[in-house]
Amino acid sequence: MPNGRDRMHDRHRIPAPSATPITRPSGVVETGTGPYVDGIKERIHDLFRTLGGLDNHVVQVQQEFNRLSNSALSAEEKLLVAHQAYDQLVKAAQFAGFDFPMQTFTVQSIGWSMQVGRQSGRAVQWKTS
């Protein structure tokens, strides 16, 4: 886990984003978005592993953005988490072993969206501010 933190989920059961601080098994207290961000990063990592699984993983990642959109987090917190996830999407696209068309992800409650693709071996990206 990043920064030596304890695992609080598995990648198929990501905790919901929460405004309530959480205590990890090690006793470290952090924002409630920590386990969600860790989990969505892992799902994003899976997203570009195989071209054949891309469509299914796109749906799963968008479902996580829907959970973020529907969460009780403030708009500012949602935007912060969305930017963290966007950075991971771009990084994962850069290291994908295949090209793929632009994929769009949205956080509807804050009117935020992003796109990422890979063309001619290069990540192509776009996001709202």
Protein backbone atom coordinates (compact mmCIF):
# COMPACT_ATOMS: atom_id res chain seq x y z
CA MET A 1 0.00 0.00 0.00
CA PRO A 2 1.15 3.57 -0.58
CA ASN A 3 3.16 5.16 2.23
CA GLY A 4 3.20 1.87 4.19
CA ARG A 5 -0.49 2.17 5.02
CA ASP A 6 -2.60 -0.82 5.97
CA ARG A 7 -4.89 -2.32 3.35
CA MET A 8 -8.51 -1.41 4.14
CA HIS A 9 -10.22 -3.07 1.15
CA ASP A 10 -9.87 -5.42 -1.72
CA ARG A 11 -10.01 -4.00 -5.22
CA HIS A 12 -13.48 -5.40 -5.86
CA ARG A 13 -14.96 -4.07 -2.62
CA ILE A 14 -13.75 -0.51 -2.34
CA PRO A 15 -15.05 1.37 0.72
CA ALA A 16 -17.37 4.25 -0.07
CA PRO A 17 -15.83 7.71 0.03
CA SER A 18 -16.51 9.22 3.43
CA ALA A 19 -16.17 12.64 5.04
CA THR A 20 -15.67 10.91 8.40
CA PRO A 21 -12.03 10.29 9.40
CA ILE A 22 -11.10 6.61 9.61
CA THR A 23 -8.65 4.74 11.82
CA ARG A 24 -6.52 2.20 10.01
CA PRO A 25 -5.66 -1.10 11.76
CA SER A 26 -2.26 0.37 12.64
CA GLY A 27 -4.02 3.14 14.59
CA VAL A 28 -3.24 5.89 12.07
CA VAL A 29 -6.15 8.30 11.62
CA GLU A 30 -6.70 9.88 8.19
CA THR A 31 -9.42 11.35 6.05
CA GLY A 32 -12.23 8.99 5.14
CA THR A 33 -11.35 9.25 1.47
CA GLY A 34 -8.02 7.41 1.95
CA PRO A 35 -9.28 3.83 1.52
CA TYR A 36 -11.51 4.91 -1.38
CA VAL A 37 -8.59 6.61 -3.16
CA ASP A 38 -6.36 3.56 -2.57
CA GLY A 39 -9.06 1.28 -3.98
CA ILE A 40 -9.85 3.33 -7.05
CA LYS A 41 -6.13 3.56 -7.84
CA GLU A 42 -5.96 -0.24 -7.86
CA ARG A 43 -9.04 -0.49 -10.12
CA ILE A 44 -7.47 2.05 -12.47
CA HIS A 45 -4.29 0.00 -12.55
CA ASP A 46 -6.37 -2.98 -13.72
CA LEU A 47 -8.13 -0.85 -16.34
CA PHE A 48 -5.38 -0.94 -18.95
CA ARG A 49 -3.96 -4.41 -18.37
CA THR A 50 -5.70 -6.07 -21.31
CA LEU A 51 -7.44 -4.65 -24.33
CA GLY A 52 -10.09 -7.38 -24.07
CA GLY A 53 -11.03 -6.31 -20.54
CA LEU A 54 -10.95 -2.58 -21.19
CA ASP A 55 -14.69 -2.05 -21.70
CA ASN A 56 -15.65 -3.93 -18.54
CA HIS A 57 -13.05 -2.09 -16.48
CA VAL A 58 -14.17 1.29 -17.89
CA VAL A 59 -17.67 0.53 -16.61
CA GLN A 60 -16.32 -0.46 -13.18
CA VAL A 61 -14.18 2.68 -12.85
CA GLN A 62 -17.13 4.86 -13.88
CA GLN A 63 -19.24 3.13 -11.23
CA GLU A 64 -16.66 4.21 -8.66
CA PHE A 65 -16.90 7.79 -9.94
CA ASN A 66 -20.68 7.50 -9.57
CA ARG A 67 -20.19 6.47 -5.94
CA LEU A 68 -17.97 9.50 -5.47
CA SER A 69 -20.58 11.71 -7.12
CA ASN A 70 -23.33 10.38 -4.84
CA SER A 71 -21.25 10.57 -1.66
CA ALA A 72 -21.73 13.04 1.19
CA LEU A 73 -18.34 14.63 0.50
CA SER A 74 -18.23 18.35 -0.17
CA ALA A 75 -17.78 19.50 -3.76
CA GLU A 76 -14.19 20.48 -2.95
CA GLU A 77 -13.41 17.01 -1.55
CA LYS A 78 -15.01 15.33 -4.57
CA LEU A 79 -12.92 17.46 -6.90
CA LEU A 80 -9.73 16.64 -4.99
CA VAL A 81 -10.42 12.90 -5.18
CA ALA A 82 -11.40 13.17 -8.87
CA HIS A 83 -8.07 14.88 -9.64
CA GLN A 84 -6.16 12.16 -7.77
CA ALA A 85 -7.97 9.49 -9.78
CA TYR A 86 -7.41 11.41 -13.03
CA ASP A 87 -3.66 11.50 -12.38
CA GLN A 88 -3.73 7.73 -11.91
CA LEU A 89 -5.73 7.24 -15.12
CA VAL A 90 -3.17 9.19 -17.13
CA LYS A 91 -0.26 7.35 -15.55
CA ALA A 92 -1.87 3.96 -16.24
CA ALA A 93 -2.62 4.95 -19.84
CA GLN A 94 1.00 5.95 -20.38
CA PHE A 95 2.13 2.45 -19.44
CA ALA A 96 -0.60 0.49 -21.25
CA GLY A 97 0.73 -2.00 -23.73
CA PHE A 98 -1.81 -1.09 -26.42
CA ASP A 99 -3.58 1.89 -27.98
CA PHE A 100 -7.24 2.55 -27.19
CA PRO A 101 -9.85 5.18 -28.01
CA MET A 102 -10.69 8.05 -25.67
CA GLN A 103 -12.60 6.93 -22.60
CA THR A 104 -14.74 9.44 -20.70
CA PHE A 105 -15.30 9.45 -16.94
CA THR A 106 -17.56 11.86 -15.07
CA VAL A 107 -18.41 13.00 -11.55
CA GLN A 108 -21.85 14.37 -12.36
CA SER A 109 -22.70 16.03 -9.05
CA ILE A 110 -19.86 18.52 -9.52
CA GLY A 111 -20.06 18.73 -13.32
CA TRP A 112 -16.55 17.33 -13.73
CA SER A 113 -15.34 15.04 -16.47
CA MET A 114 -12.13 13.65 -17.90
CA GLN A 115 -11.01 11.73 -20.93
CA VAL A 116 -8.00 9.54 -21.48
CA GLY A 117 -6.91 7.49 -24.46
CA ARG A 118 -3.77 6.16 -26.05
CA GLN A 119 -2.89 6.85 -29.66
CA SER A 120 0.34 5.93 -31.44
CA GLY A 121 1.82 4.78 -28.14
CA ARG A 122 1.12 8.06 -26.31
CA ALA A 123 -1.45 8.93 -23.66
CA VAL A 124 -3.95 11.56 -24.74
CA GLN A 125 -5.76 13.38 -21.96
CA TRP A 126 -8.33 16.05 -21.21
CA LYS A 127 -10.21 17.19 -18.12
CA THR A 128 -12.46 19.97 -16.98
CA SER A 129 -10.86 22.28 -14.43
